[in-house]
PDB file of N, CA and C in Angstrom:
ATOM      1  N   UNK A   1     111.192  38.390 -54.424  1.00  0.00           N
ATOM      2  CA  UNK A   1     109.712  39.569 -54.437  1.00  0.00           C
ATOM      3  C   UNK A   1     110.333  40.169 -52.634  1.00  0.00           C
ATOM      4  N   UNK A   2     110.722  40.866 -52.692  1.00  0.00           N
ATOM      5  CA  UNK A   2     110.798  41.557 -51.313  1.00  0.00           C
ATOM      6  C   UNK A   2     109.905  42.556 -50.914  1.00  0.00           C
ATOM      7  N   UNK A   3     109.756  41.858 -49.797  1.00  0.00           N
ATOM      8  CA  UNK A   3     108.401  42.885 -49.175  1.00  0.00           C
ATOM      9  C   UNK A   3     109.025  43.608 -48.525  1.00  0.00           C
ATOM     10  N   UNK A   4     108.614  45.472 -48.657  1.00  0.00           N
ATOM     11  CA  UNK A   4     109.565  46.078 -48.192  1.00  0.00           C
ATOM     12  C   UNK A   4     109.313  47.000 -46.350  1.00  0.00           C
ATOM     13  N   UNK A   5     110.240  47.512 -45.626  1.00  0.00           N
ATOM     14  CA  UNK A   5     110.163  47.613 -45.071  1.00  0.00           C
ATOM     15  C   UNK A   5     111.199  48.257 -44.575  1.00  0.00           C
ATOM     16  N   UNK A   6     111.366  49.124 -42.281  1.00  0.00           N
ATOM     17  CA  UNK A   6     111.787  50.155 -42.455  1.00  0.00           C
ATOM     18  C   UNK A   6     112.531  50.421 -42.013  1.00  0.00           C
ATOM     19  N   UNK A   7     114.250  50.756 -42.322  1.00  0.00           N
ATOM     20  CA  UNK A   7     115.495  49.980 -41.355  1.00  0.00           C
ATOM     21  C   UNK A   7     116.026  50.802 -40.418  1.00  0.00           C
ATOM     22  N   UNK A   8     116.238  51.850 -39.630  1.00  0.00           N
ATOM     23  CA  UNK A   8     116.811  52.288 -38.906  1.00  0.00           C
ATOM     24  C   UNK A   8     117.821  52.030 -38.071  1.00  0.00           C
ATOM     25  N   UNK A   9     119.288  52.254 -38.041  1.00  0.00           N
ATOM     26  CA  UNK A   9     119.946  51.760 -37.347  1.00  0.00           C
ATOM     27  C   UNK A   9     120.162  52.548 -35.967  1.00  0.00           C
ATOM     28  N   UNK A  10     120.931  53.815 -36.229  1.00  0.00           N
ATOM     29  CA  UNK A  10     120.525  54.803 -35.192  1.00  0.00           C
ATOM     30  C   UNK A  10     119.425  56.247 -35.344  1.00  0.00           C
ATOM     31  N   UNK A  11     118.930  55.509 -34.432  1.00  0.00           N
ATOM     32  CA  UNK A  11     117.536  56.364 -34.175  1.00  0.00           C
ATOM     33  C   UNK A  11     118.087  57.401 -33.667  1.00  0.00           C
ATOM     34  N   UNK A  12     118.861  57.871 -32.346  1.00  0.00           N
ATOM     35  CA  UNK A  12     119.251  59.037 -32.180  1.00  0.00           C
ATOM     36  C   UNK A  12     119.650  59.839 -33.494  1.00  0.00           C
ATOM     37  N   UNK A  13     119.790  59.658 -33.978  1.00  0.00           N
ATOM     38  CA  UNK A  13     120.928  60.291 -35.346  1.00  0.00           C
ATOM     39  C   UNK A  13     120.105  61.132 -36.376  1.00  0.00           C
ATOM     40  N   UNK A  14     119.367  60.288 -35.818  1.00  0.00           N
ATOM     41  CA  UNK A  14     117.836  61.285 -37.793  1.00  0.00           C
ATOM     42  C   UNK A  14     117.229  62.177 -36.408  1.00  0.00           C
ATOM     43  N   UNK A  15     117.181  62.094 -35.301  1.00  0.00           N
ATOM     44  CA  UNK A  15     116.781  63.616 -34.397  1.00  0.00           C
ATOM     45  C   UNK A  15     117.578  64.637 -32.920  1.00  0.00           C
ATOM     46  N   UNK A  16     118.968  64.699 -33.589  1.00  0.00           N
ATOM     47  CA  UNK A  16     119.963  65.137 -32.835  1.00  0.00           C
ATOM     48  C   UNK A  16     119.645  65.913 -31.842  1.00  0.00           C
ATOM     49  N   UNK A  17     119.389  66.236 -30.236  1.00  0.00           N
ATOM     50  CA  UNK A  17     118.588  67.349 -29.568  1.00  0.00           C
ATOM     51  C   UNK A  17     119.505  68.623 -30.325  1.00  0.00           C
ATOM     52  N   UNK A  18     118.479  69.112 -30.731  1.00  0.00           N
ATOM     53  CA  UNK A  18     119.070  71.188 -31.320  1.00  0.00           C
ATOM     54  C   UNK A  18     119.727  71.713 -29.307  1.00  0.00           C
ATOM     55  N   UNK A  19     120.182  72.820 -29.280  1.00  0.00           N
ATOM     56  CA  UNK A  19     120.814  73.276 -28.294  1.00  0.00           C
ATOM     57  C   UNK A  19     120.082  74.027 -27.846  1.00  0.00           C
ATOM     58  N   UNK A  20     118.571  74.383 -28.424  1.00  0.00           N
ATOM     59  CA  UNK A  20     117.426  75.187 -28.169  1.00  0.00           C
ATOM     60  C   UNK A  20     116.847  74.945 -28.667  1.00  0.00           C
ATOM     61  N   UNK A  21     115.774  74.403 -28.134  1.00  0.00           N
ATOM     62  CA  UNK A  21     114.357  74.010 -29.405  1.00  0.00           C
ATOM     63  C   UNK A  21     114.464  72.770 -29.269  1.00  0.00           C
ATOM     64  N   UNK A  22     113.388  72.573 -29.497  1.00  0.00           N
ATOM     65  CA  UNK A  22     112.476  71.046 -30.254  1.00  0.00           C
ATOM     66  C   UNK A  22     112.772  70.531 -31.715  1.00  0.00           C
ATOM     67  N   UNK A  23     112.847  69.203 -32.163  1.00  0.00           N
ATOM     68  CA  UNK A  23     113.404  69.083 -33.550  1.00  0.00           C
ATOM     69  C   UNK A  23     112.104  67.131 -33.923  1.00  0.00           C
ATOM     70  N   UNK A  24     111.674  67.145 -35.035  1.00  0.00           N
ATOM     71  CA  UNK A  24     110.301  66.689 -35.042  1.00  0.00           C
ATOM     72  C   UNK A  24     110.751  66.101 -35.940  1.00  0.00           C
ATOM     73  N   UNK A  25     110.661  64.851 -36.674  1.00  0.00           N
ATOM     74  CA  UNK A  25     110.824  64.104 -37.986  1.00  0.00           C
ATOM     75  C   UNK A  25     109.516  62.575 -38.062  1.00  0.00           C
ATOM     76  N   UNK A  26     108.565  62.699 -38.595  1.00  0.00           N
ATOM     77  CA  UNK A  26     107.671  61.572 -39.464  1.00  0.00           C
ATOM     78  C   UNK A  26     109.656  61.319 -39.735  1.00  0.00           C
ATOM     79  N   UNK A  27     109.347  59.193 -38.499  1.00  0.00           N
ATOM     80  CA  UNK A  27     110.927  58.214 -39.257  1.00  0.00           C
ATOM     81  C   UNK A  27     109.085  57.584 -40.582  1.00  0.00           C
ATOM     82  N   UNK A  28     107.896  57.058 -40.043  1.00  0.00           N
ATOM     83  CA  UNK A  28     107.840  56.492 -41.043  1.00  0.00           C
ATOM     84  C   UNK A  28     105.879  56.056 -40.923  1.00  0.00           C
ATOM     85  N   UNK A  29     105.505  56.303 -42.090  1.00  0.00           N
ATOM     86  CA  UNK A  29     103.460  56.511 -41.510  1.00  0.00           C
ATOM     87  C   UNK A  29     103.184  55.516 -42.639  1.00  0.00           C
ATOM     88  N   UNK A  30     102.251  54.530 -42.288  1.00  0.00           N
ATOM     89  CA  UNK A  30     101.243  53.794 -43.039  1.00  0.00           C
ATOM     90  C   UNK A  30      99.374  54.479 -42.940  1.00  0.00           C
ATOM     91  N   UNK A  31      98.910  53.059 -42.947  1.00  0.00           N
ATOM     92  CA  UNK A  31      97.165  53.280 -42.609  1.00  0.00           C
ATOM     93  C   UNK A  31      97.433  52.773 -40.430  1.00  0.00           C
ATOM     94  N   UNK A  32      97.764  52.735 -40.348  1.00  0.00           N
ATOM     95  CA  UNK A  32      97.937  51.411 -38.838  1.00  0.00           C
ATOM     96  C   UNK A  32      98.747  52.549 -37.762  1.00  0.00           C
ATOM     97  N   UNK A  33     100.238  53.333 -38.338  1.00  0.00           N
ATOM     98  CA  UNK A  33     100.817  54.250 -37.037  1.00  0.00           C
ATOM     99  C   UNK A  33     101.064  56.031 -38.362  1.00  0.00           C
ATOM    100  N   UNK A  34     101.829  56.245 -37.354  1.00  0.00           N
ATOM    101  CA  UNK A  34     102.558  57.840 -37.218  1.00  0.00           C
ATOM    102  C   UNK A  34     103.277  57.074 -36.904  1.00  0.00           C
ATOM    103  N   UNK A  35     104.637  57.344 -37.384  1.00  0.00           N
ATOM    104  CA  UNK A  35     106.173  56.918 -36.305  1.00  0.00           C
ATOM    105  C   UNK A  35     107.313  58.207 -36.168  1.00  0.00           C
ATOM    106  N   UNK A  36     107.088  59.282 -35.196  1.00  0.00           N
ATOM    107  CA  UNK A  36     108.129  60.960 -34.943  1.00  0.00           C
ATOM    108  C   UNK A  36     108.848  60.344 -34.111  1.00  0.00           C
ATOM    109  N   UNK A  37     110.025  60.825 -34.673  1.00  0.00           N
ATOM    110  CA  UNK A  37     111.248  60.556 -33.780  1.00  0.00           C
ATOM    111  C   UNK A  37     111.540  62.417 -33.046  1.00  0.00           C
ATOM    112  N   UNK A  38     111.612  62.609 -31.740  1.00  0.00           N
ATOM    113  CA  UNK A  38     111.480  64.282 -30.945  1.00  0.00           C
ATOM    114  C   UNK A  38     113.391  64.167 -30.536  1.00  0.00           C
ATOM    115  N   UNK A  39     113.526  65.135 -30.511  1.00  0.00           N
ATOM    116  CA  UNK A  39     114.837  65.364 -30.466  1.00  0.00           C
ATOM    117  C   UNK A  39     113.985  66.848 -29.511  1.00  0.00           C
ATOM    118  N   UNK A  40     114.444  66.876 -27.916  1.00  0.00           N
ATOM    119  CA  UNK A  40     114.517  67.959 -26.352  1.00  0.00           C
ATOM    120  C   UNK A  40     115.673  68.823 -26.575  1.00  0.00           C
ATOM    121  N   UNK A  41     116.160  70.449 -26.432  1.00  0.00           N
ATOM    122  CA  UNK A  41     117.125  70.903 -26.192  1.00  0.00           C
ATOM    123  C   UNK A  41     117.312  70.719 -24.508  1.00  0.00           C
ATOM    124  N   UNK A  42     117.991  70.752 -24.471  1.00  0.00           N
ATOM    125  CA  UNK A  42     117.588  70.995 -22.411  1.00  0.00           C
ATOM    126  C   UNK A  42     116.501  71.893 -22.413  1.00  0.00           C
ATOM    127  N   UNK A  43     115.881  70.644 -21.076  1.00  0.00           N
ATOM    128  CA  UNK A  43     114.928  72.442 -20.227  1.00  0.00           C
ATOM    129  C   UNK A  43     113.589  72.393 -21.220  1.00  0.00           C
ATOM    130  N   UNK A  44     113.283  71.691 -22.293  1.00  0.00           N
ATOM    131  CA  UNK A  44     112.615  72.277 -23.665  1.00  0.00           C
ATOM    132  C   UNK A  44     111.817  71.106 -22.824  1.00  0.00           C
ATOM    133  N   UNK A  45     110.458  71.726 -23.084  1.00  0.00           N
ATOM    134  CA  UNK A  45     109.025  70.925 -22.914  1.00  0.00           C
ATOM    135  C   UNK A  45     107.768  70.947 -24.174  1.00  0.00           C
ATOM    136  N   UNK A  46     107.259  69.816 -24.128  1.00  0.00           N
ATOM    137  CA  UNK A  46     105.772  69.913 -23.894  1.00  0.00           C
ATOM    138  C   UNK A  46     104.745  70.538 -23.542  1.00  0.00           C
ATOM    139  N   UNK A  47     103.942  71.087 -23.585  1.00  0.00           N
ATOM    140  CA  UNK A  47     103.204  71.815 -22.355  1.00  0.00           C
ATOM    141  C   UNK A  47     102.264  70.366 -22.429  1.00  0.00           C
ATOM    142  N   UNK A  48     100.745  70.312 -21.455  1.00  0.00           N
ATOM    143  CA  UNK A  48     100.186  69.316 -21.463  1.00  0.00           C
ATOM    144  C   UNK A  48      98.910  69.343 -22.780  1.00  0.00           C
ATOM    145  N   UNK A  49      98.808  68.349 -23.174  1.00  0.00           N
ATOM    146  CA  UNK A  49      97.850  68.139 -23.952  1.00  0.00           C
ATOM    147  C   UNK A  49      97.479  66.750 -24.113  1.00  0.00           C
ATOM    148  N   UNK A  50      96.852  66.349 -24.963  1.00  0.00           N
ATOM    149  CA  UNK A  50      96.113  65.204 -25.046  1.00  0.00           C
ATOM    150  C   UNK A  50      95.747  64.816 -26.383  1.00  0.00           C
ATOM    151  N   UNK A  51      96.181  63.528 -27.327  1.00  0.00           N
ATOM    152  CA  UNK A  51      95.958  62.672 -27.829  1.00  0.00           C
ATOM    153  C   UNK A  51      94.648  62.765 -28.592  1.00  0.00           C
ATOM    154  N   UNK A  52      93.692  62.517 -30.182  1.00  0.00           N
ATOM    155  CA  UNK A  52      92.809  61.207 -30.391  1.00  0.00           C
ATOM    156  C   UNK A  52      92.513  60.102 -30.193  1.00  0.00           C
ATOM    157  N   UNK A  53      94.183  59.819 -30.414  1.00  0.00           N
ATOM    158  CA  UNK A  53      94.566  58.295 -31.029  1.00  0.00           C
ATOM    159  C   UNK A  53      95.107  57.860 -29.439  1.00  0.00           C
ATOM    160  N   UNK A  54      95.103  56.284 -29.270  1.00  0.00           N
ATOM    161  CA  UNK A  54      96.545  55.771 -28.492  1.00  0.00           C
ATOM    162  C   UNK A  54      98.366  55.680 -28.621  1.00  0.00           C
ATOM    163  N   UNK A  55      98.794  56.287 -28.470  1.00  0.00           N
ATOM    164  CA  UNK A  55      99.808  56.241 -28.525  1.00  0.00           C
ATOM    165  C   UNK A  55     101.143  55.344 -27.544  1.00  0.00           C
ATOM    166  N   UNK A  56     102.453  55.468 -27.885  1.00  0.00           N
ATOM    167  CA  UNK A  56     103.285  54.501 -27.590  1.00  0.00           C
ATOM    168  C   UNK A  56     104.686  55.639 -27.706  1.00  0.00           C
ATOM    169  N   UNK A  57     105.288  55.978 -26.456  1.00  0.00           N
ATOM    170  CA  UNK A  57     106.281  56.428 -26.090  1.00  0.00           C
ATOM    171  C   UNK A  57     107.361  55.994 -25.683  1.00  0.00           C
ATOM    172  N   UNK A  58     108.758  55.760 -26.332  1.00  0.00           N
ATOM    173  CA  UNK A  58     109.769  54.575 -26.240  1.00  0.00           C
ATOM    174  C   UNK A  58     110.860  56.107 -26.072  1.00  0.00           C
ATOM    175  N   UNK A  59     112.127  56.209 -25.552  1.00  0.00           N
ATOM    176  CA  UNK A  59     113.244  57.274 -25.006  1.00  0.00           C
ATOM    177  C   UNK A  59     113.930  56.336 -25.037  1.00  0.00           C
ATOM    178  N   UNK A  60     115.156  57.519 -25.872  1.00  0.00           N
ATOM    179  CA  UNK A  60     116.074  56.406 -26.500  1.00  0.00           C
ATOM    180  C   UNK A  60     117.488  57.051 -25.979  1.00  0.00           C
ATOM    181  N   UNK A  61     117.525  58.195 -25.934  1.00  0.00           N
ATOM    182  CA  UNK A  61     118.401  58.966 -23.998  1.00  0.00           C
ATOM    183  C   UNK A  61     118.086  60.077 -24.222  1.00  0.00           C
ATOM    184  N   UNK A  62     118.433  60.370 -22.678  1.00  0.00           N
ATOM    185  CA  UNK A  62     118.028  61.505 -22.216  1.00  0.00           C
ATOM    186  C   UNK A  62     117.478  61.249 -21.146  1.00  0.00           C
ATOM    187  N   UNK A  63     117.411  62.035 -20.119  1.00  0.00           N
ATOM    188  CA  UNK A  63     116.312  62.106 -18.631  1.00  0.00           C
ATOM    189  C   UNK A  63     115.656  62.987 -18.940  1.00  0.00           C
ATOM    190  N   UNK A  64     113.859  62.712 -18.522  1.00  0.00           N
ATOM    191  CA  UNK A  64     113.252  64.410 -18.529  1.00  0.00           C
ATOM    192  C   UNK A  64     111.898  63.225 -17.484  1.00  0.00           C
ATOM    193  N   UNK A  65     111.613  64.204 -17.272  1.00  0.00           N
ATOM    194  CA  UNK A  65     109.671  64.425 -16.269  1.00  0.00           C
ATOM    195  C   UNK A  65     108.801  64.181 -17.804  1.00  0.00           C
ATOM    196  N   UNK A  66     107.756  63.465 -17.272  1.00  0.00           N
ATOM    197  CA  UNK A  66     107.131  62.684 -18.198  1.00  0.00           C
ATOM    198  C   UNK A  66     105.760  62.807 -17.430  1.00  0.00           C
ATOM    199  N   UNK A  67     104.709  64.062 -17.322  1.00  0.00           N
ATOM    200  CA  UNK A  67     103.299  64.076 -17.071  1.00  0.00           C
ATOM    201  C   UNK A  67     102.458  63.088 -18.028  1.00  0.00           C
ATOM    202  N   UNK A  68     101.447  62.037 -16.868  1.00  0.00           N
ATOM    203  CA  UNK A  68     101.200  61.303 -17.828  1.00  0.00           C
ATOM    204  C   UNK A  68      99.791  61.565 -16.583  1.00  0.00           C
ATOM    205  N   UNK A  69      98.709  61.956 -17.357  1.00  0.00           N
ATOM    206  CA  UNK A  69      97.253  62.795 -16.331  1.00  0.00           C
ATOM    207  C   UNK A  69      97.633  63.268 -14.661  1.00  0.00           C
ATOM    208  N   UNK A  70      98.269  62.847 -13.636  1.00  0.00           N
ATOM    209  CA  UNK A  70      97.327  63.808 -12.741  1.00  0.00           C
ATOM    210  C   UNK A  70      98.808  63.080 -11.955  1.00  0.00           C
ATOM    211  N   UNK A  71      99.152  62.421 -12.669  1.00  0.00           N
ATOM    212  CA  UNK A  71     101.322  61.912 -12.515  1.00  0.00           C
ATOM    213  C   UNK A  71     102.651  62.441 -12.715  1.00  0.00           C
ATOM    214  N   UNK A  72     103.562  62.579 -12.403  1.00  0.00           N
ATOM    215  CA  UNK A  72     104.651  63.138 -13.526  1.00  0.00           C
ATOM    216  C   UNK A  72     105.973  61.235 -12.723  1.00  0.00           C
ATOM    217  N   UNK A  73     106.722  60.973 -13.886  1.00  0.00           N
ATOM    218  CA  UNK A  73     106.825  60.146 -13.987  1.00  0.00           C
ATOM    219  C   UNK A  73     107.995  60.412 -14.163  1.00  0.00           C
ATOM    220  N   UNK A  74     109.555  59.364 -13.675  1.00  0.00           N
ATOM    221  CA  UNK A  74     110.742  60.085 -13.913  1.00  0.00           C
ATOM    222  C   UNK A  74     110.606  58.785 -15.782  1.00  0.00           C
ATOM    223  N   UNK A  75     111.690  58.986 -16.820  1.00  0.00           N
ATOM    224  CA  UNK A  75     111.669  58.870 -17.985  1.00  0.00           C
ATOM    225  C   UNK A  75     113.716  58.609 -18.833  1.00  0.00           C
ATOM    226  N   UNK A  76     113.446  57.853 -18.684  1.00  0.00           N
ATOM    227  CA  UNK A  76     115.226  57.757 -19.229  1.00  0.00           C
ATOM    228  C   UNK A  76     115.050  56.938 -20.579  1.00  0.00           C
ATOM    229  N   UNK A  77     116.514  56.843 -20.597  1.00  0.00           N
ATOM    230  CA  UNK A  77     117.032  55.653 -22.088  1.00  0.00           C
ATOM    231  C   UNK A  77     116.242  54.371 -21.565  1.00  0.00           C
ATOM    232  N   UNK A  78     115.682  53.593 -22.653  1.00  0.00           N
ATOM    233  CA  UNK A  78     114.835  52.165 -21.878  1.00  0.00           C
ATOM    234  C   UNK A  78     113.359  52.693 -21.962  1.00  0.00           C
ATOM    235  N   UNK A  79     113.436  53.629 -21.640  1.00  0.00           N
ATOM    236  CA  UNK A  79     111.957  53.885 -20.595  1.00  0.00           C
ATOM    237  C   UNK A  79     110.387  53.345 -22.273  1.00  0.00           C
ATOM    238  N   UNK A  80     109.622  52.789 -21.303  1.00  0.00           N
ATOM    239  CA  UNK A  80     108.333  52.990 -22.649  1.00  0.00           C
ATOM    240  C   UNK A  80     107.304  53.323 -22.147  1.00  0.00           C
ATOM    241  N   UNK A  81     106.066  53.920 -22.757  1.00  0.00           N
ATOM    242  CA  UNK A  81     104.797  54.099 -22.694  1.00  0.00           C
ATOM    243  C   UNK A  81     104.086  53.368 -22.962  1.00  0.00           C
ATOM    244  N   UNK A  82     102.636  53.137 -22.394  1.00  0.00           N
ATOM    245  CA  UNK A  82     101.464  53.047 -23.428  1.00  0.00           C
ATOM    246  C   UNK A  82     101.001  54.783 -22.807  1.00  0.00           C
ATOM    247  N   UNK A  83      99.947  55.419 -23.881  1.00  0.00           N
ATOM    248  CA  UNK A  83      98.917  55.948 -23.317  1.00  0.00           C
ATOM    249  C   UNK A  83      97.933  56.192 -24.439  1.00  0.00           C
ATOM    250  N   UNK A  84      96.598  55.519 -23.371  1.00  0.00           N
ATOM    251  CA  UNK A  84      95.311  55.832 -24.017  1.00  0.00           C
ATOM    252  C   UNK A  84      95.258  56.832 -25.109  1.00  0.00           C
ATOM    253  N   UNK A  85      94.501  57.161 -25.881  1.00  0.00           N
ATOM    254  CA  UNK A  85      93.443  58.295 -26.012  1.00  0.00           C
ATOM    255  C   UNK A  85      93.424  58.918 -25.180  1.00  0.00           C
ATOM    256  N   UNK A  86      93.513  60.506 -25.074  1.00  0.00           N
ATOM    257  CA  UNK A  86      92.323  61.259 -24.877  1.00  0.00           C
ATOM    258  C   UNK A  86      93.537  61.919 -22.645  1.00  0.00           C
ATOM    259  N   UNK A  87      94.307  60.671 -22.627  1.00  0.00           N
ATOM    260  CA  UNK A  87      95.142  60.694 -22.113  1.00  0.00           C
ATOM    261  C   UNK A  87      95.921  62.699 -21.477  1.00  0.00           C
ATOM    262  N   UNK A  88      95.749  62.898 -20.605  1.00  0.00           N
ATOM    263  CA  UNK A  88      96.826  64.560 -20.673  1.00  0.00           C
ATOM    264  C   UNK A  88      98.123  64.394 -20.293  1.00  0.00           C
ATOM    265  N   UNK A  89      98.872  64.542 -20.688  1.00  0.00           N
ATOM    266  CA  UNK A  89     100.226  64.073 -21.164  1.00  0.00           C
ATOM    267  C   UNK A  89     101.195  65.663 -21.370  1.00  0.00           C
ATOM    268  N   UNK A  90     102.189  65.664 -21.128  1.00  0.00           N
ATOM    269  CA  UNK A  90     103.666  66.048 -20.804  1.00  0.00           C
ATOM    270  C   UNK A  90     105.361  66.185 -21.007  1.00  0.00           C
ATOM    271  N   UNK A  91     105.767  67.077 -21.123  1.00  0.00           N
ATOM    272  CA  UNK A  91     107.208  66.150 -21.034  1.00  0.00           C
ATOM    273  C   UNK A  91     107.526  67.240 -21.599  1.00  0.00           C
ATOM    274  N   UNK A  92     108.560  67.492 -19.999  1.00  0.00           N
ATOM    275  CA  UNK A  92     109.746  67.959 -19.812  1.00  0.00           C
ATOM    276  C   UNK A  92     111.569  67.268 -19.756  1.00  0.00           C
ATOM    277  N   UNK A  93     112.236  68.157 -20.304  1.00  0.00           N
ATOM    278  CA  UNK A  93     113.096  67.348 -20.411  1.00  0.00           C
ATOM    279  C   UNK A  93     114.388  68.410 -19.521  1.00  0.00           C
ATOM    280  N   UNK A  94     114.863  67.498 -18.602  1.00  0.00           N
ATOM    281  CA  UNK A  94     116.158  67.758 -18.091  1.00  0.00           C
ATOM    282  C   UNK A  94     117.925  67.617 -18.539  1.00  0.00           C
ATOM    283  N   UNK A  95     117.550  66.190 -19.576  1.00  0.00           N
ATOM    284  CA  UNK A  95     119.445  67.005 -20.483  1.00  0.00           C
ATOM    285  C   UNK A  95     118.426  66.844 -22.307  1.00  0.00           C
ATOM    286  N   UNK A  96     119.767  66.567 -22.995  1.00  0.00           N
ATOM    287  CA  UNK A  96     118.868  66.163 -24.347  1.00  0.00           C
ATOM    288  C   UNK A  96     118.426  64.991 -24.507  1.00  0.00           C
ATOM    289  N   UNK A  97     116.978  64.278 -25.552  1.00  0.00           N
ATOM    290  CA  UNK A  97     116.523  63.566 -25.016  1.00  0.00           C
ATOM    291  C   UNK A  97     115.646  63.807 -26.637  1.00  0.00           C
ATOM    292  N   UNK A  98     116.222  62.379 -26.648  1.00  0.00           N
ATOM    293  CA  UNK A  98     115.336  61.677 -27.804  1.00  0.00           C
ATOM    294  C   UNK A  98     114.250  61.217 -27.434  1.00  0.00           C
ATOM    295  N   UNK A  99     112.908  60.862 -28.251  1.00  0.00           N
ATOM    296  CA  UNK A  99     112.465  60.558 -27.641  1.00  0.00           C
ATOM    297  C   UNK A  99     111.021  59.804 -28.933  1.00  0.00           C
ATOM    298  N   UNK A 100     110.919  58.622 -29.205  1.00  0.00           N
ATOM    299  CA  UNK A 100     109.878  58.040 -30.412  1.00  0.00           C
ATOM    300  C   UNK A 100     109.128  58.428 -29.823  1.00  0.00           C
ATOM    301  N   UNK A 101     107.436  57.931 -30.735  1.00  0.00           N
ATOM    302  CA  UNK A 101     106.971  58.573 -30.782  1.00  0.00           C
ATOM    303  C   UNK A 101     105.477  57.756 -31.726  1.00  0.00           C
ATOM    304  N   UNK A 102     104.916  57.007 -31.017  1.00  0.00           N
ATOM    305  CA  UNK A 102     104.620  55.732 -32.607  1.00  0.00           C
ATOM    306  C   UNK A 102     102.795  56.412 -32.239  1.00  0.00           C
ATOM    307  N   UNK A 103     102.098  57.141 -33.059  1.00  0.00           N
ATOM    308  CA  UNK A 103     100.876  57.303 -32.967  1.00  0.00           C
ATOM    309  C   UNK A 103      99.396  55.866 -33.447  1.00  0.00           C
ATOM    310  N   UNK A 104      98.488  55.350 -32.643  1.00  0.00           N
ATOM    311  CA  UNK A 104      98.060  54.266 -33.238  1.00  0.00           C
ATOM    312  C   UNK A 104      96.661  54.458 -33.768  1.00  0.00           C
ATOM    313  N   UNK A 105      97.073  54.117 -35.095  1.00  0.00           N
ATOM    314  CA  UNK A 105      95.434  55.009 -36.023  1.00  0.00           C
ATOM    315  C   UNK A 105      94.439  54.043 -36.193  1.00  0.00           C
ATOM    316  N   UNK A 106      93.992  53.357 -36.041  1.00  0.00           N
ATOM    317  CA  UNK A 106      93.499  52.160 -35.757  1.00  0.00           C
ATOM    318  C   UNK A 106      92.977  51.375 -34.570  1.00  0.00           C
TER     319      UNK A 106
END
């Protein structure tokens, strides 16, 4: 018997950044997590907001400014962030960006 799994060879291809706008696509979901890949066109942003659950961000490609609480941090390929529930956060893409968001449900 094979245990089911999810395999994505190239996460960046799952959400190629549009020229103008933001693309999002759920790539995995179960009772514990929801994984959503985002593609941001250059200059696009998600305004400041909070999430009810903790989350992880992983930047696959591109450069962005990341608001985390009162701080602004740089993001580039390889940047990883853990955000506790209710942390104010925002994202502004400087270049085309692909980012993985993992929401922790439990």
